[in-house]
Amino acid sequence: MSKAVLAAQSEVFKCMLLNNTIEAKTCVVEITDATYEAVEAFVEFLYLDFAEKFESLVEQLYILADM
């Protein structure tokens, strides 16, 4: 994943990845309040503006989008 793409699509990722944070230094963002499938669909949506599994993960994606 590209820091630039994530930062361009999300203010939260922008703050995490483009400032002097642990996430920026390690290039690791730990998300513990969502399933792997939800995070995967969320990142897919950030990159492509759609996600194949969107319908089945709506509640979890809403939580991630509200970060």
C-alpha atoms as a PDB file:
ATOM      1  CA  MET A   1       0.000   0.000   0.000  1.00  0.00           C
ATOM      2  CA  SER A   2       1.101   3.497  -0.687  1.00  0.00           C
ATOM      3  CA  LYS A   3       1.265   6.092   2.084  1.00  0.00           C
ATOM      4  CA  ALA A   4       0.432   8.754  -0.482  1.00  0.00           C
ATOM      5  CA  VAL A   5      -2.764   7.033  -1.640  1.00  0.00           C
ATOM      6  CA  LEU A   6      -3.979   6.360   1.895  1.00  0.00           C
ATOM      7  CA  ALA A   7      -3.137   9.912   2.992  1.00  0.00           C
ATOM      8  CA  ALA A   8      -4.888  11.426  -0.021  1.00  0.00           C
ATOM      9  CA  GLN A   9      -8.092   9.491   0.681  1.00  0.00           C
ATOM     10  CA  SER A  10      -8.246   9.770   4.479  1.00  0.00           C
ATOM     11  CA  GLU A  11      -7.453  12.607   6.874  1.00  0.00           C
ATOM     12  CA  VAL A  12      -6.821  10.045   9.631  1.00  0.00           C
ATOM     13  CA  PHE A  13      -4.280   8.140   7.537  1.00  0.00           C
ATOM     14  CA  LYS A  14      -2.780  11.464   6.462  1.00  0.00           C
ATOM     15  CA  CYS A  15      -2.159  12.466  10.081  1.00  0.00           C
ATOM     16  CA  MET A  16      -0.849   9.009  10.972  1.00  0.00           C
ATOM     17  CA  LEU A  17       1.440   8.515   8.000  1.00  0.00           C
ATOM     18  CA  LEU A  18       2.766  11.962   7.133  1.00  0.00           C
ATOM     19  CA  ASN A  19       3.681  13.252  10.587  1.00  0.00           C
ATOM     20  CA  ASN A  20       6.206  12.277  13.224  1.00  0.00           C
ATOM     21  CA  THR A  21       4.288   9.221  14.456  1.00  0.00           C
ATOM     22  CA  ILE A  22       5.112   5.596  15.142  1.00  0.00           C
ATOM     23  CA  GLU A  23       2.955   4.626  12.163  1.00  0.00           C
ATOM     24  CA  ALA A  24       4.952   6.888   9.863  1.00  0.00           C
ATOM     25  CA  LYS A  25       8.266   5.588  11.162  1.00  0.00           C
ATOM     26  CA  THR A  26       7.354   1.891  11.020  1.00  0.00           C
ATOM     27  CA  CYS A  27       4.964   1.994   8.034  1.00  0.00           C
ATOM     28  CA  VAL A  28       2.523  -0.051  10.118  1.00  0.00           C
ATOM     29  CA  VAL A  29      -1.034   0.931  11.018  1.00  0.00           C
ATOM     30  CA  GLU A  30      -2.644  -1.413  13.506  1.00  0.00           C
ATOM     31  CA  ILE A  31      -6.433  -1.546  13.317  1.00  0.00           C
ATOM     32  CA  THR A  32      -7.904  -3.714  16.063  1.00  0.00           C
ATOM     33  CA  ASP A  33     -11.603  -2.848  15.997  1.00  0.00           C
ATOM     34  CA  ALA A  34     -12.454  -4.392  12.601  1.00  0.00           C
ATOM     35  CA  THR A  35     -12.081  -7.726  10.880  1.00  0.00           C
ATOM     36  CA  TYR A  36      -9.419  -8.408   8.306  1.00  0.00           C
ATOM     37  CA  GLU A  37     -12.111  -8.620   5.621  1.00  0.00           C
ATOM     38  CA  ALA A  38     -13.509  -5.203   6.556  1.00  0.00           C
ATOM     39  CA  VAL A  39     -10.084  -3.542   6.513  1.00  0.00           C
ATOM     40  CA  GLU A  40      -9.307  -5.198   3.183  1.00  0.00           C
ATOM     41  CA  ALA A  41     -12.581  -3.923   1.691  1.00  0.00           C
ATOM     42  CA  PHE A  42     -11.962  -0.463   3.171  1.00  0.00           C
ATOM     43  CA  VAL A  43      -8.501  -0.222   1.604  1.00  0.00           C
ATOM     44  CA  GLU A  44      -9.877  -1.572  -1.680  1.00  0.00           C
ATOM     45  CA  PHE A  45     -12.480   1.189  -1.599  1.00  0.00           C
ATOM     46  CA  LEU A  46      -9.817   3.839  -0.896  1.00  0.00           C
ATOM     47  CA  TYR A  47      -7.827   2.665  -3.919  1.00  0.00           C
ATOM     48  CA  LEU A  48     -10.621   1.860  -6.386  1.00  0.00           C
ATOM     49  CA  ASP A  49     -13.714   3.757  -5.171  1.00  0.00           C
ATOM     50  CA  PHE A  50     -15.586   0.470  -4.858  1.00  0.00           C
ATOM     51  CA  ALA A  51     -15.357  -2.734  -2.834  1.00  0.00           C
ATOM     52  CA  GLU A  52     -16.679  -6.123  -3.902  1.00  0.00           C
ATOM     53  CA  LYS A  53     -17.702  -7.199  -0.386  1.00  0.00           C
ATOM     54  CA  PHE A  54     -19.275  -3.857   0.489  1.00  0.00           C
ATOM     55  CA  GLU A  55     -22.834  -5.111   1.102  1.00  0.00           C
ATOM     56  CA  SER A  56     -21.887  -7.776   3.642  1.00  0.00           C
ATOM     57  CA  LEU A  57     -19.544  -5.493   5.603  1.00  0.00           C
ATOM     58  CA  VAL A  58     -21.541  -2.257   5.708  1.00  0.00           C
ATOM     59  CA  GLU A  59     -21.584  -1.886   9.500  1.00  0.00           C
ATOM     60  CA  GLN A  60     -17.854  -2.501   9.898  1.00  0.00           C
ATOM     61  CA  LEU A  61     -16.998  -0.255   6.944  1.00  0.00           C
ATOM     62  CA  TYR A  62     -19.063   2.531   8.462  1.00  0.00           C
ATOM     63  CA  ILE A  63     -17.012   2.294  11.665  1.00  0.00           C
ATOM     64  CA  LEU A  64     -13.753   2.399   9.686  1.00  0.00           C
ATOM     65  CA  ALA A  65     -14.947   5.313   7.578  1.00  0.00           C
ATOM     66  CA  ASP A  66     -15.786   7.251  10.724  1.00  0.00           C
ATOM     67  CA  MET A  67     -12.207   6.961  12.065  1.00  0.00           C
END
